[in-house]
Every structure is written in structure tokens, then in C-alpha cells.
N, C-alpha and C. Protein backbone atom coordinates (compact mmCIF):
# COMPACT_ATOMS: atom_id res chain seq x y z
N MET A 1 -6.62 20.83 8.71
CA MET A 1 -5.38 21.25 9.26
C MET A 1 -4.44 20.10 9.57
N THR A 2 -3.32 20.13 8.73
CA THR A 2 -2.40 19.00 9.08
C THR A 2 -1.67 19.14 10.41
N VAL A 3 -1.94 17.92 11.37
CA VAL A 3 -0.91 18.06 12.48
C VAL A 3 0.47 17.49 12.21
N ALA A 4 1.22 18.76 12.72
CA ALA A 4 2.86 18.43 12.60
C ALA A 4 3.18 16.98 13.38
N ARG A 5 4.02 16.30 12.56
CA ARG A 5 4.71 15.04 13.23
C ARG A 5 5.56 15.37 14.37
N PRO A 6 5.54 14.72 15.80
CA PRO A 6 6.53 14.93 16.57
C PRO A 6 7.90 14.62 16.30
N PRO A 7 8.79 15.03 16.87
CA PRO A 7 10.14 14.31 16.45
C PRO A 7 10.29 13.11 17.04
N PRO A 8 11.31 12.31 16.49
CA PRO A 8 11.62 11.02 16.83
C PRO A 8 11.83 10.67 18.08
N ILE A 9 11.45 9.53 18.78
CA ILE A 9 11.72 9.41 20.20
C ILE A 9 12.75 8.46 20.57
N PHE A 10 13.72 8.83 21.35
CA PHE A 10 15.09 8.08 21.88
C PHE A 10 14.53 7.89 23.35
N ILE A 11 13.91 6.78 23.74
CA ILE A 11 13.64 6.64 25.43
C ILE A 11 14.16 5.36 25.55
N ALA A 12 14.53 4.15 24.56
CA ALA A 12 14.64 2.94 24.64
C ALA A 12 15.83 2.54 25.54
N ASP A 13 16.95 3.38 25.81
CA ASP A 13 18.24 2.90 26.31
C ASP A 13 18.93 1.81 25.50
N HIS A 14 18.75 1.47 24.38
CA HIS A 14 19.23 0.64 23.37
C HIS A 14 19.12 1.26 21.74
N PRO A 15 19.99 1.39 20.94
CA PRO A 15 19.64 2.04 19.51
C PRO A 15 18.60 0.80 18.75
N GLY A 16 18.96 -0.53 19.07
CA GLY A 16 17.90 -1.25 18.34
C GLY A 16 16.53 -1.31 18.69
N LEU A 17 16.10 -0.76 19.99
CA LEU A 17 14.90 -0.63 20.30
C LEU A 17 14.34 0.72 19.78
N ASP A 18 15.20 1.84 19.77
CA ASP A 18 14.85 2.94 19.27
C ASP A 18 14.49 2.86 17.98
N PHE A 19 15.25 1.96 17.01
CA PHE A 19 14.94 1.77 15.79
C PHE A 19 13.30 1.19 15.47
N LEU A 20 12.93 0.33 16.52
CA LEU A 20 11.74 -0.50 16.38
C LEU A 20 10.70 0.69 16.75
N ASN A 21 11.14 1.67 17.62
CA ASN A 21 10.23 2.71 18.11
C ASN A 21 9.92 3.80 16.89
N THR A 22 10.48 3.54 15.68
CA THR A 22 10.29 4.33 14.52
C THR A 22 8.66 4.51 14.01
N ILE A 23 8.01 3.34 14.68
CA ILE A 23 6.36 3.38 14.25
C ILE A 23 6.01 3.10 15.91
N ALA A 24 5.02 4.01 15.94
CA ALA A 24 4.77 3.80 17.54
C ALA A 24 3.49 4.43 17.81
N VAL A 25 2.68 4.09 18.55
CA VAL A 25 1.51 5.13 19.38
C VAL A 25 2.22 5.53 20.64
N SER A 26 2.70 6.59 20.69
CA SER A 26 3.36 7.43 21.67
C SER A 26 2.40 7.92 22.94
N VAL A 27 1.27 8.28 22.22
CA VAL A 27 0.47 9.23 23.20
C VAL A 27 -1.02 8.63 22.90
N ASP A 28 -1.63 9.07 21.79
CA ASP A 28 -2.71 8.74 21.32
C ASP A 28 -2.76 8.40 19.82
N THR A 29 -1.82 8.78 19.03
CA THR A 29 -1.67 8.88 17.80
C THR A 29 -0.78 7.95 17.16
N LYS A 30 -0.93 6.96 16.26
CA LYS A 30 0.22 6.28 15.71
C LYS A 30 0.97 7.01 14.79
N VAL A 31 2.25 6.88 14.98
CA VAL A 31 3.16 7.95 14.10
C VAL A 31 4.35 7.05 13.40
N GLU A 32 4.45 7.10 12.13
CA GLU A 32 5.43 6.42 11.19
C GLU A 32 6.55 7.46 10.85
N TRP A 33 7.85 7.38 11.34
CA TRP A 33 8.87 8.29 11.41
C TRP A 33 9.72 8.00 10.33
N LEU A 34 9.55 6.77 9.27
CA LEU A 34 10.23 6.35 8.26
C LEU A 34 9.52 6.17 6.85
N THR A 35 8.80 7.12 6.62
CA THR A 35 7.74 7.10 5.56
C THR A 35 8.55 7.37 4.14
N SER A 36 9.83 7.91 4.18
CA SER A 36 10.54 8.19 2.97
C SER A 36 12.01 7.92 3.26
N GLY A 37 12.60 7.92 1.99
CA GLY A 37 14.26 8.06 2.22
C GLY A 37 14.62 9.05 3.10
N GLU A 38 14.16 10.41 2.71
CA GLU A 38 14.50 11.64 3.43
C GLU A 38 14.26 11.33 5.11
N ASP A 39 13.21 10.80 5.44
CA ASP A 39 12.78 10.32 6.62
C ASP A 39 13.93 9.37 7.29
N LEU A 40 14.45 8.51 6.49
CA LEU A 40 15.27 7.70 6.95
C LEU A 40 16.92 8.29 7.11
N LEU A 41 17.06 8.96 6.28
CA LEU A 41 18.24 10.00 6.49
C LEU A 41 18.18 10.58 7.60
N ALA A 42 17.11 11.45 7.96
CA ALA A 42 17.01 12.19 9.02
C ALA A 42 16.84 11.46 10.45
N TRP A 43 16.43 10.29 10.39
CA TRP A 43 16.55 9.53 11.71
C TRP A 43 17.95 9.21 11.80
N LEU A 44 18.59 8.49 10.95
CA LEU A 44 20.01 7.86 11.20
C LEU A 44 20.86 9.02 11.62
N LYS A 45 20.56 10.41 10.96
CA LYS A 45 21.37 11.57 11.58
C LYS A 45 21.14 11.70 13.00
N GLN A 46 19.93 11.63 13.53
CA GLN A 46 19.69 11.92 14.94
C GLN A 46 20.11 10.75 15.93
N SER A 47 20.06 9.46 15.15
CA SER A 47 20.43 8.28 16.23
C SER A 47 21.85 8.28 16.08
N ARG A 48 22.71 9.05 15.32
CA ARG A 48 24.22 8.93 15.24
C ARG A 48 24.58 7.58 14.80
N LEU A 49 23.86 6.62 14.09
CA LEU A 49 24.26 5.57 13.49
C LEU A 49 25.09 5.42 12.27
N VAL A 50 24.92 6.81 11.60
CA VAL A 50 25.71 6.91 10.27
C VAL A 50 26.24 8.36 10.36
N PRO A 51 27.50 8.36 9.97
CA PRO A 51 28.22 9.85 9.82
C PRO A 51 27.37 10.62 8.81
N ASP A 52 27.48 11.98 9.21
CA ASP A 52 26.82 12.96 8.52
C ASP A 52 27.23 12.91 6.98
N ARG A 53 28.46 12.90 6.96
CA ARG A 53 29.05 13.01 5.60
C ARG A 53 28.73 11.71 4.55
N VAL A 54 28.43 10.75 5.14
CA VAL A 54 27.84 9.57 4.35
C VAL A 54 26.38 9.88 3.94
N LEU A 55 25.52 10.34 4.94
CA LEU A 55 24.33 10.75 4.62
C LEU A 55 24.22 11.68 3.50
N ASP A 56 25.15 12.79 3.89
CA ASP A 56 25.24 13.67 2.79
C ASP A 56 25.39 13.10 1.18
N ALA A 57 26.46 12.28 1.17
CA ALA A 57 26.93 11.59 -0.13
C ALA A 57 25.80 10.91 -0.80
N PHE A 58 24.93 10.21 -0.05
CA PHE A 58 23.92 9.35 -0.47
C PHE A 58 22.80 10.34 -0.97
N ARG A 59 22.53 11.44 -0.20
CA ARG A 59 21.47 12.03 -0.57
C ARG A 59 21.83 12.91 -1.98
N GLN A 60 23.06 13.29 -2.04
CA GLN A 60 23.40 13.68 -3.38
C GLN A 60 23.51 12.78 -4.41
N SER A 61 23.69 11.63 -4.22
CA SER A 61 24.22 10.58 -5.27
C SER A 61 23.05 9.45 -5.58
N ALA A 62 22.15 9.42 -4.73
CA ALA A 62 21.26 8.40 -5.11
C ALA A 62 20.22 8.82 -6.28
N VAL A 63 19.91 7.81 -6.90
CA VAL A 63 18.84 8.09 -8.22
C VAL A 63 17.68 8.19 -7.42
N PRO A 64 16.64 8.90 -8.22
CA PRO A 64 15.14 9.19 -7.98
C PRO A 64 14.64 7.98 -7.38
N GLY A 65 14.23 7.79 -6.27
CA GLY A 65 13.33 6.60 -5.70
C GLY A 65 14.17 5.62 -5.01
N GLU A 66 15.50 5.91 -5.30
CA GLU A 66 16.45 4.69 -4.56
C GLU A 66 16.23 4.62 -2.96
N LEU A 67 16.30 5.80 -2.48
CA LEU A 67 16.30 6.15 -0.90
C LEU A 67 14.99 5.54 -0.35
N ASP A 68 13.93 5.85 -1.07
CA ASP A 68 12.61 5.68 -0.65
C ASP A 68 12.74 4.05 -0.65
N GLY A 69 13.29 3.21 -1.52
CA GLY A 69 13.40 1.83 -1.59
C GLY A 69 14.09 1.27 -0.39
N ILE A 70 15.19 2.08 0.14
CA ILE A 70 15.98 1.52 1.20
C ILE A 70 14.98 1.72 2.40
N ALA A 71 14.27 2.91 2.53
CA ALA A 71 13.35 3.17 3.55
C ALA A 71 12.43 1.95 3.73
N ALA A 72 11.94 1.60 2.54
CA ALA A 72 10.82 0.60 2.57
C ALA A 72 11.52 -0.79 3.38
N GLN A 73 12.74 -1.11 2.80
CA GLN A 73 13.39 -2.09 3.28
C GLN A 73 13.74 -2.02 4.90
N ALA A 74 14.02 -0.96 5.20
CA ALA A 74 14.29 -0.47 6.69
C ALA A 74 12.91 -0.77 7.66
N ARG A 75 11.81 -0.40 7.02
CA ARG A 75 10.54 -0.81 7.73
C ARG A 75 10.02 -2.05 7.74
N ALA A 76 10.59 -3.00 6.60
CA ALA A 76 10.15 -4.10 6.71
C ALA A 76 11.25 -5.02 7.80
N LEU A 77 12.22 -4.54 7.77
CA LEU A 77 13.29 -5.16 8.55
C LEU A 77 12.73 -4.78 10.18
N ARG A 78 12.43 -3.76 10.50
CA ARG A 78 11.66 -3.11 11.52
C ARG A 78 10.48 -4.07 12.05
N ASP A 79 9.65 -4.15 11.02
CA ASP A 79 8.44 -4.87 11.57
C ASP A 79 8.58 -6.21 11.90
N TRP A 80 9.55 -6.76 10.80
CA TRP A 80 9.76 -8.34 11.12
C TRP A 80 10.34 -8.36 12.62
N PHE A 81 11.38 -7.63 12.83
CA PHE A 81 12.03 -7.83 14.17
C PHE A 81 11.35 -7.36 15.27
N LYS A 82 10.29 -6.49 15.31
CA LYS A 82 9.59 -6.13 16.26
C LYS A 82 8.63 -7.28 16.84
N LEU A 83 8.17 -8.19 15.81
CA LEU A 83 7.39 -9.24 16.25
C LEU A 83 8.52 -10.36 17.04
N PHE A 84 9.34 -10.42 16.72
CA PHE A 84 10.67 -11.23 17.35
C PHE A 84 10.62 -10.73 18.67
N VAL A 85 10.59 -9.40 19.05
CA VAL A 85 10.74 -8.82 20.21
C VAL A 85 9.50 -9.13 21.22
N TYR A 86 8.36 -8.82 20.57
CA TYR A 86 7.21 -8.96 21.35
C TYR A 86 7.12 -10.39 21.59
N LYS A 87 7.73 -11.47 20.97
CA LYS A 87 7.25 -12.87 21.16
C LYS A 87 8.23 -13.45 22.38
N HIS A 88 9.44 -12.70 22.47
CA HIS A 88 10.54 -13.05 23.52
C HIS A 88 10.76 -12.23 24.60
N MET A 89 10.23 -10.95 24.44
CA MET A 89 10.64 -10.09 25.70
C MET A 89 10.07 -10.68 27.07
N GLY A 90 10.56 -9.99 28.01
CA GLY A 90 10.19 -10.55 29.40
C GLY A 90 10.75 -11.90 29.80
N ARG A 91 11.66 -12.59 29.09
CA ARG A 91 11.96 -13.82 29.59
C ARG A 91 13.32 -13.95 28.81
N PRO A 92 14.26 -15.09 29.34
CA PRO A 92 15.52 -15.15 28.86
C PRO A 92 15.57 -15.51 27.33
N LEU A 93 16.27 -15.02 26.55
CA LEU A 93 16.42 -15.44 25.21
C LEU A 93 17.09 -16.89 25.06
N GLU A 94 16.37 -17.90 24.65
CA GLU A 94 16.86 -19.10 24.45
C GLU A 94 17.55 -19.45 23.29
N PRO A 95 18.59 -20.47 23.11
CA PRO A 95 19.48 -20.65 22.12
C PRO A 95 18.56 -20.86 20.67
N ALA A 96 17.54 -21.56 20.98
CA ALA A 96 16.54 -21.88 20.08
C ALA A 96 16.14 -20.64 19.02
N ALA A 97 16.16 -19.51 19.61
CA ALA A 97 15.73 -18.28 19.06
C ALA A 97 16.46 -18.02 17.97
N LEU A 98 17.65 -18.77 17.74
CA LEU A 98 18.70 -18.32 16.67
C LEU A 98 18.22 -18.66 15.26
N ARG A 99 17.38 -19.53 15.21
CA ARG A 99 16.78 -20.24 13.97
C ARG A 99 16.04 -19.04 13.52
N GLU A 100 15.33 -18.18 14.27
CA GLU A 100 14.38 -17.30 13.81
C GLU A 100 14.97 -16.03 13.35
N LEU A 101 16.57 -16.08 13.89
CA LEU A 101 17.32 -14.74 13.47
C LEU A 101 18.10 -14.85 12.10
N GLN A 102 18.02 -16.05 11.34
CA GLN A 102 18.63 -16.20 10.18
C GLN A 102 18.34 -15.26 9.24
N PRO A 103 17.30 -14.60 9.08
CA PRO A 103 17.04 -13.36 7.88
C PRO A 103 18.30 -12.22 8.52
N LEU A 104 18.26 -11.93 9.72
CA LEU A 104 19.08 -10.98 9.96
C LEU A 104 20.41 -11.31 9.73
N ASN A 105 20.85 -12.52 10.03
CA ASN A 105 22.23 -12.97 9.69
C ASN A 105 22.57 -12.95 8.36
N GLN A 106 21.70 -13.25 7.41
CA GLN A 106 21.87 -13.13 6.08
C GLN A 106 21.99 -11.57 5.62
N LEU A 107 21.41 -10.71 6.08
CA LEU A 107 21.74 -9.11 6.04
C LEU A 107 23.00 -8.74 6.58
N LEU A 108 23.36 -9.27 7.66
CA LEU A 108 24.69 -8.95 8.40
C LEU A 108 25.80 -9.44 7.48
N ALA A 109 25.51 -10.58 6.76
CA ALA A 109 26.67 -11.35 5.86
C ALA A 109 27.01 -10.39 4.73
N ARG A 110 26.09 -9.35 4.42
CA ARG A 110 26.34 -8.40 3.43
C ARG A 110 27.19 -7.31 3.79
N ASP A 111 27.35 -7.01 4.99
CA ASP A 111 28.08 -5.72 5.48
C ASP A 111 29.54 -5.87 5.47
N GLU A 112 30.16 -4.75 5.01
CA GLU A 112 31.28 -4.42 5.03
C GLU A 112 32.08 -3.72 5.91
N GLU A 113 31.85 -4.18 7.23
CA GLU A 113 32.39 -3.48 8.37
C GLU A 113 33.91 -3.98 8.77
N TYR A 114 34.67 -3.06 9.02
CA TYR A 114 35.99 -3.29 9.60
C TYR A 114 36.40 -2.44 10.69
N GLY A 115 37.70 -2.61 11.16
CA GLY A 115 37.90 -1.74 12.16
C GLY A 115 39.39 -1.13 12.03
N GLN A 116 39.83 -0.11 12.80
CA GLN A 116 41.02 0.44 12.62
C GLN A 116 41.51 0.91 14.04
N ILE A 117 43.06 0.71 14.20
CA ILE A 117 43.54 1.18 15.53
C ILE A 117 43.69 2.76 15.27
N ALA A 118 43.27 3.61 15.88
CA ALA A 118 43.51 4.95 15.98
C ALA A 118 43.80 5.56 17.41
N LEU A 119 43.99 6.90 17.40
CA LEU A 119 44.06 7.41 18.68
C LEU A 119 42.91 7.69 19.22
N ARG A 120 42.95 7.67 20.67
CA ARG A 120 41.83 7.67 21.47
C ARG A 120 41.45 9.06 21.73
N HIS A 121 40.29 9.56 21.03
CA HIS A 121 40.07 11.07 21.17
C HIS A 121 38.40 11.38 21.35
N ARG A 122 37.75 10.19 21.25
CA ARG A 122 36.12 10.39 21.65
C ARG A 122 35.66 10.02 22.73
N ARG A 123 34.97 10.54 23.57
CA ARG A 123 34.43 10.00 24.75
C ARG A 123 34.07 8.56 24.89
N HIS A 124 33.10 8.12 23.79
CA HIS A 124 32.81 6.64 23.79
C HIS A 124 33.68 5.53 23.40
N ASP A 125 34.91 6.01 23.31
CA ASP A 125 36.02 4.99 23.19
C ASP A 125 35.95 4.34 24.29
N ARG A 126 36.08 2.65 24.04
CA ARG A 126 36.15 1.81 25.24
C ARG A 126 37.46 2.17 26.16
N GLU A 127 37.25 2.19 27.34
CA GLU A 127 38.48 2.30 28.28
C GLU A 127 39.47 1.26 28.13
N PRO A 128 40.62 1.70 28.05
CA PRO A 128 41.83 0.63 27.95
C PRO A 128 41.66 -0.59 29.21
N GLY A 129 41.94 -1.67 28.85
CA GLY A 129 42.07 -2.65 29.96
C GLY A 129 43.48 -2.89 30.18
N LYS A 130 43.81 -3.92 31.04
CA LYS A 130 45.11 -4.20 31.45
C LYS A 130 45.81 -4.50 30.36
N GLY A 131 47.09 -4.05 30.02
CA GLY A 131 47.97 -4.23 29.19
C GLY A 131 47.81 -3.49 27.78
N GLU A 132 46.71 -2.71 27.73
CA GLU A 132 46.28 -2.00 26.62
C GLU A 132 46.92 -0.58 26.66
N ALA A 133 47.42 -0.05 25.33
CA ALA A 133 47.84 1.20 25.33
C ALA A 133 46.78 2.10 25.52
N PRO A 134 46.91 3.26 26.56
CA PRO A 134 45.85 4.28 26.93
C PRO A 134 45.58 5.18 25.79
N GLY A 135 46.68 5.35 24.79
CA GLY A 135 46.44 6.37 23.91
C GLY A 135 45.75 6.12 22.75
N LEU A 136 45.54 4.55 22.60
CA LEU A 136 44.84 4.12 21.20
C LEU A 136 43.66 3.32 21.32
N ALA A 137 42.85 3.32 20.48
CA ALA A 137 41.59 2.70 20.59
C ALA A 137 41.14 1.95 19.29
N TRP A 138 40.14 1.03 19.45
CA TRP A 138 39.71 0.53 18.09
C TRP A 138 38.53 1.35 17.60
N HIS A 139 38.46 1.62 16.43
CA HIS A 139 37.64 2.44 15.89
C HIS A 139 36.77 1.78 14.70
N PRO A 140 35.51 1.23 14.96
CA PRO A 140 34.94 0.42 13.73
C PRO A 140 34.67 1.25 12.62
N GLN A 141 34.69 0.91 11.30
CA GLN A 141 34.58 1.50 10.18
C GLN A 141 33.80 0.63 9.18
N ARG A 142 33.21 1.13 8.04
CA ARG A 142 32.33 0.60 7.33
C ARG A 142 32.65 1.15 5.83
N ARG A 143 32.71 0.31 4.80
CA ARG A 143 32.69 0.71 3.57
C ARG A 143 31.12 1.07 2.81
N TRP A 144 30.99 2.20 2.67
CA TRP A 144 29.61 2.54 2.16
C TRP A 144 29.35 2.69 0.75
N ARG A 145 29.49 1.34 0.15
CA ARG A 145 29.55 1.22 -1.44
C ARG A 145 28.08 1.77 -1.93
N SER A 146 26.82 1.53 -1.24
CA SER A 146 25.68 2.07 -1.94
C SER A 146 24.79 2.18 -0.88
N PRO A 147 23.54 2.75 -1.22
CA PRO A 147 22.51 3.23 -0.21
C PRO A 147 22.11 1.86 0.66
N GLU A 148 22.22 0.69 0.01
CA GLU A 148 21.95 -0.58 0.83
C GLU A 148 22.65 -0.40 2.12
N ALA A 149 23.96 0.24 2.25
CA ALA A 149 24.59 0.03 3.33
C ALA A 149 24.05 0.76 4.58
N LEU A 150 23.15 1.58 4.18
CA LEU A 150 22.46 2.22 5.27
C LEU A 150 21.57 1.15 6.16
N LEU A 151 21.21 0.09 5.69
CA LEU A 151 20.60 -1.02 6.56
C LEU A 151 21.56 -1.69 7.37
N PHE A 152 22.91 -1.57 7.04
CA PHE A 152 23.75 -2.36 8.00
C PHE A 152 23.76 -1.88 9.56
N PRO A 153 24.11 -0.46 9.50
CA PRO A 153 24.09 -0.34 11.03
C PRO A 153 22.74 -0.64 11.96
N LEU A 154 21.57 -0.59 11.08
CA LEU A 154 20.43 -0.73 11.94
C LEU A 154 20.34 -2.50 12.18
N ALA A 155 20.66 -3.25 11.17
CA ALA A 155 20.99 -4.70 11.28
C ALA A 155 21.81 -4.81 12.70
N ARG A 156 22.86 -4.20 12.73
CA ARG A 156 24.07 -4.47 13.68
C ARG A 156 23.47 -4.14 15.05
N SER A 157 22.62 -2.91 15.12
CA SER A 157 21.91 -2.72 16.34
C SER A 157 20.83 -3.60 17.01
N LEU A 158 20.38 -4.27 16.03
CA LEU A 158 19.43 -5.51 16.37
C LEU A 158 20.24 -6.59 16.76
N ALA A 159 21.30 -6.92 16.17
CA ALA A 159 22.23 -7.96 16.60
C ALA A 159 22.86 -7.82 17.97
N ASP A 160 23.20 -6.32 18.11
CA ASP A 160 23.75 -6.28 19.48
C ASP A 160 22.75 -6.28 20.76
N LEU A 161 21.37 -5.92 20.21
CA LEU A 161 20.34 -6.07 21.24
C LEU A 161 20.15 -7.50 21.77
N VAL A 162 20.21 -8.47 20.58
CA VAL A 162 19.86 -9.94 21.27
C VAL A 162 21.19 -10.47 21.58
N CYS A 163 22.37 -9.85 21.34
CA CYS A 163 23.73 -10.53 22.09
C CYS A 163 24.14 -9.97 23.28
N THR A 164 23.59 -8.68 23.77
CA THR A 164 24.06 -8.09 25.05
C THR A 164 23.04 -7.46 25.85
N SER A 165 21.82 -7.67 25.50
CA SER A 165 20.63 -7.06 26.58
C SER A 165 20.25 -8.37 26.96
N ASP A 166 19.67 -8.15 28.29
CA ASP A 166 18.91 -9.02 29.05
C ASP A 166 17.47 -9.13 28.62
N PHE A 167 16.87 -10.06 27.69
CA PHE A 167 15.59 -9.84 27.30
C PHE A 167 14.46 -9.88 28.35
N THR A 168 14.79 -10.59 29.68
CA THR A 168 13.97 -10.29 30.82
C THR A 168 13.66 -9.01 31.10
N GLN A 169 14.45 -8.03 30.73
CA GLN A 169 14.12 -6.72 30.85
C GLN A 169 13.90 -5.73 29.72
N VAL A 170 13.61 -6.54 28.69
CA VAL A 170 13.03 -5.79 27.63
C VAL A 170 11.59 -5.53 27.67
N LYS A 171 11.02 -4.49 27.62
CA LYS A 171 9.64 -4.25 28.19
C LYS A 171 8.93 -3.22 27.17
N ALA A 172 7.54 -3.40 27.04
CA ALA A 172 6.67 -2.39 26.62
C ALA A 172 6.13 -1.50 27.55
N CYS A 173 5.98 -0.27 27.26
CA CYS A 173 5.19 0.78 28.07
C CYS A 173 3.84 0.20 28.51
N GLU A 174 3.56 0.47 29.78
CA GLU A 174 2.37 -0.02 30.39
C GLU A 174 1.41 0.99 30.05
N GLY A 175 1.64 2.01 29.54
CA GLY A 175 0.57 3.11 29.14
C GLY A 175 -0.39 2.76 28.15
N SER A 176 -1.57 3.04 28.11
CA SER A 176 -2.65 2.62 27.13
C SER A 176 -2.77 3.96 26.31
N PRO A 177 -2.66 4.08 25.16
CA PRO A 177 -2.23 2.88 24.24
C PRO A 177 -1.00 3.03 23.85
N CYS A 178 0.04 3.52 24.50
CA CYS A 178 1.32 3.57 24.13
C CYS A 178 2.01 2.10 23.74
N THR A 179 2.73 2.11 22.83
CA THR A 179 3.45 0.89 22.18
C THR A 179 4.98 0.93 22.33
N LEU A 180 5.66 2.05 22.82
CA LEU A 180 6.99 1.97 22.71
C LEU A 180 7.71 1.18 23.73
N LEU A 181 8.68 0.60 23.19
CA LEU A 181 9.67 -0.50 23.93
C LEU A 181 10.92 0.30 24.57
N PHE A 182 11.47 -0.48 25.54
CA PHE A 182 12.39 -0.03 26.03
C PHE A 182 13.33 -1.26 26.87
N VAL A 183 14.44 -1.11 27.19
CA VAL A 183 15.46 -1.68 28.23
C VAL A 183 15.36 -1.15 29.52
N ASP A 184 14.86 -1.96 30.51
CA ASP A 184 14.67 -1.40 32.11
C ASP A 184 15.94 -1.56 32.70
N ARG A 185 16.85 -0.47 32.65
CA ARG A 185 18.02 -0.61 33.29
C ARG A 185 18.06 0.12 34.60
N THR A 186 16.81 0.27 35.14
CA THR A 186 16.85 1.10 36.54
C THR A 186 17.09 -0.09 37.42
N ARG A 187 17.44 0.57 38.76
CA ARG A 187 17.76 -0.20 39.85
C ARG A 187 16.52 -1.12 40.35
N GLY A 188 16.47 -2.05 40.72
CA GLY A 188 15.41 -3.01 40.74
C GLY A 188 14.57 -3.42 39.65
N HIS A 189 14.88 -2.93 38.53
CA HIS A 189 13.94 -3.23 37.24
C HIS A 189 12.54 -2.57 37.45
N ALA A 190 12.47 -1.63 37.99
CA ALA A 190 10.92 -1.14 38.14
C ALA A 190 10.16 -0.39 37.22
N ARG A 191 11.07 0.01 36.06
CA ARG A 191 10.64 0.87 35.02
C ARG A 191 9.21 0.40 34.49
N ARG A 192 8.19 1.23 34.43
CA ARG A 192 7.08 0.74 33.79
C ARG A 192 6.58 1.59 32.54
N TRP A 193 7.15 2.71 32.50
CA TRP A 193 6.55 3.65 31.65
C TRP A 193 7.72 4.19 30.45
N CYS A 194 7.28 4.51 29.41
CA CYS A 194 8.33 5.06 28.24
C CYS A 194 8.92 6.27 28.93
N SER A 195 8.25 7.29 29.56
CA SER A 195 8.52 8.41 30.17
C SER A 195 7.71 8.83 31.29
N MET A 196 8.22 9.18 32.37
CA MET A 196 7.32 9.42 33.52
C MET A 196 6.66 10.82 33.19
N ALA A 197 7.22 11.70 32.48
CA ALA A 197 6.50 12.89 32.05
C ALA A 197 5.37 12.80 31.16
N VAL A 198 5.22 11.49 30.57
CA VAL A 198 4.25 11.41 29.49
C VAL A 198 3.31 10.42 30.32
N CYS A 199 3.29 9.17 29.86
CA CYS A 199 2.62 8.10 30.27
C CYS A 199 2.52 7.86 31.86
N GLY A 200 3.81 8.05 32.56
CA GLY A 200 3.74 7.87 33.90
C GLY A 200 2.96 8.85 34.55
N ASN A 201 2.89 9.96 34.11
CA ASN A 201 2.09 11.20 34.56
C ASN A 201 0.62 11.01 34.21
N ARG A 202 0.29 10.43 33.17
CA ARG A 202 -1.05 10.13 32.87
C ARG A 202 -1.71 9.19 33.70
N ALA A 203 -0.75 8.09 34.12
CA ALA A 203 -1.18 6.85 34.79
C ALA A 203 -1.55 7.46 36.11
N LYS A 204 -0.63 8.49 36.69
CA LYS A 204 -0.92 9.01 37.94
C LYS A 204 -2.12 9.82 38.03
N GLN A 205 -2.57 10.46 37.06
CA GLN A 205 -3.79 11.45 37.01
C GLN A 205 -4.99 10.35 36.68
N ALA A 206 -4.88 9.22 36.12
CA ALA A 206 -6.06 8.55 36.08
C ALA A 206 -6.35 7.82 37.51
N ALA A 207 -5.15 7.36 38.03
CA ALA A 207 -5.28 6.84 39.46
C ALA A 207 -6.03 7.73 40.36
N HIS A 208 -5.48 8.94 40.32
CA HIS A 208 -5.96 10.16 40.97
C HIS A 208 -7.45 10.25 40.95
N ARG A 209 -8.00 10.28 39.39
CA ARG A 209 -9.52 10.29 39.28
C ARG A 209 -10.20 9.33 39.73
N ASN A 210 -9.76 8.01 39.75
CA ASN A 210 -10.32 6.69 40.31
C ASN A 210 -10.44 6.83 41.63
N ARG A 211 -9.47 7.36 42.47
CA ARG A 211 -9.87 7.67 43.94
C ARG A 211 -10.72 8.53 44.25
N LEU A 212 -11.00 9.65 43.40
CA LEU A 212 -11.88 10.67 43.59
C LEU A 212 -13.33 9.88 43.48
N LYS A 213 -13.26 9.08 42.60
CA LYS A 213 -14.72 8.44 42.21
C LYS A 213 -15.24 7.61 43.37
N LYS A 214 -14.14 6.78 43.83
CA LYS A 214 -14.60 5.86 44.81
C LYS A 214 -14.92 6.78 46.22
N ARG A 215 -14.36 7.94 46.24
CA ARG A 215 -14.77 8.73 47.68
C ARG A 215 -16.16 9.07 47.48
N HIS A 216 -16.71 9.50 46.22
CA HIS A 216 -17.90 9.94 46.01
C HIS A 216 -18.93 8.85 45.53
């Protein structure tokens, strides 16, 4: 009997870490969410990193095996960067770490990202600052010339992680054997679990059983 794969997990409070969590032991079983090109398209749709129209266009135009090759590159990017995060999480990211990020910079250099001034019509548009026109907003755009471009939003999310997140608050879930990563944005930075409903609850149950054993 084949066990159904659970849906992708978005608990990290940062898209870069959500991408790293596309392979994880979330409860008891190791799960890979990017096994194929179709998996990659599905995850990018759920993460909202790529517009639906772009995903649909590549699904229709890609030659056989092309998207599977891009998914393999995405997995390689993820696995390489995950080692970087494990090495540096829990303490301030030092300038010397830039040397380790050169492969990421090389990938970003191939991106064709640009921006346009447009009407402010989406909730996530940045609020205008002093002196800015309240009805206008900066909208990032990208030229999607080939399926390789699907890698660029992933690379950009990783770049954003190292440039805007406090690495002292990048953590791995303390649940065993869970491997999910997250940015702890809680007050007091006391978050320990990927989810209180899953690993947090399991830890409480384990602690309760240990207390009962000690009483007997």
C-alpha cells in the first residue's frame, strides 16, 4: 500500500527556509517534495514565488525531461544551501560568510529581474514612505525566457534570507526526528517547535509520560 505524501509545509516564516524544508523529516518519515519537474511547478504555485501564468506556460512549452532537470538543479541548490544554514544558524552571520555564497551570487547574476512603477493595488505592496505617492508602488518583474528562470526566485529567497534575517533566530525544530527549519519571530524568541500542534504536542505528551514513570 502506497502512503500518500503529505502536502508541502510552510511554517518557516521565510520563503527561503520554506524552500529548504522541501525535504524534511516532519514527523517520522523523510519526505521529498521536489522529486520531479511537476512537483517543482506545484510547489512554486503554492509558495506564490512564480505567477500561475508562467508555470502554465512552461508546463506546456517545456520539452520532455526539461523540467525534471530544473527540479534536479533546485534540489542541488537547496541541499547545498541547507548545509550553509546548518553551519551558521544560531549566531550572527559574519562578513566572511560571503565567500561561501559565491555560487549563489553566480546564479543570481543570470537573473533578468527588473521592476516597474504601477498602481498600488495589492495588499503586500510596501506602504509609502514620506514623500512617496500613495497611489503608486514598485512592482518587481522578471523576464521568464526559459525554464531555468524558475531557479531565480528560489535563489532570490535565499539571498533575502541571508541579507534580512537575524541568523541568531534561525532554528531547527527541537522535536525528534523533525528537521524543519524556521525563523523565530516570537516575542522573546522562545519558539522551539515547527508547530505546537505536531512536535510541540508530542513533546508535551513525552514529558507527561516521563512524569508518570517517575511517580511509579
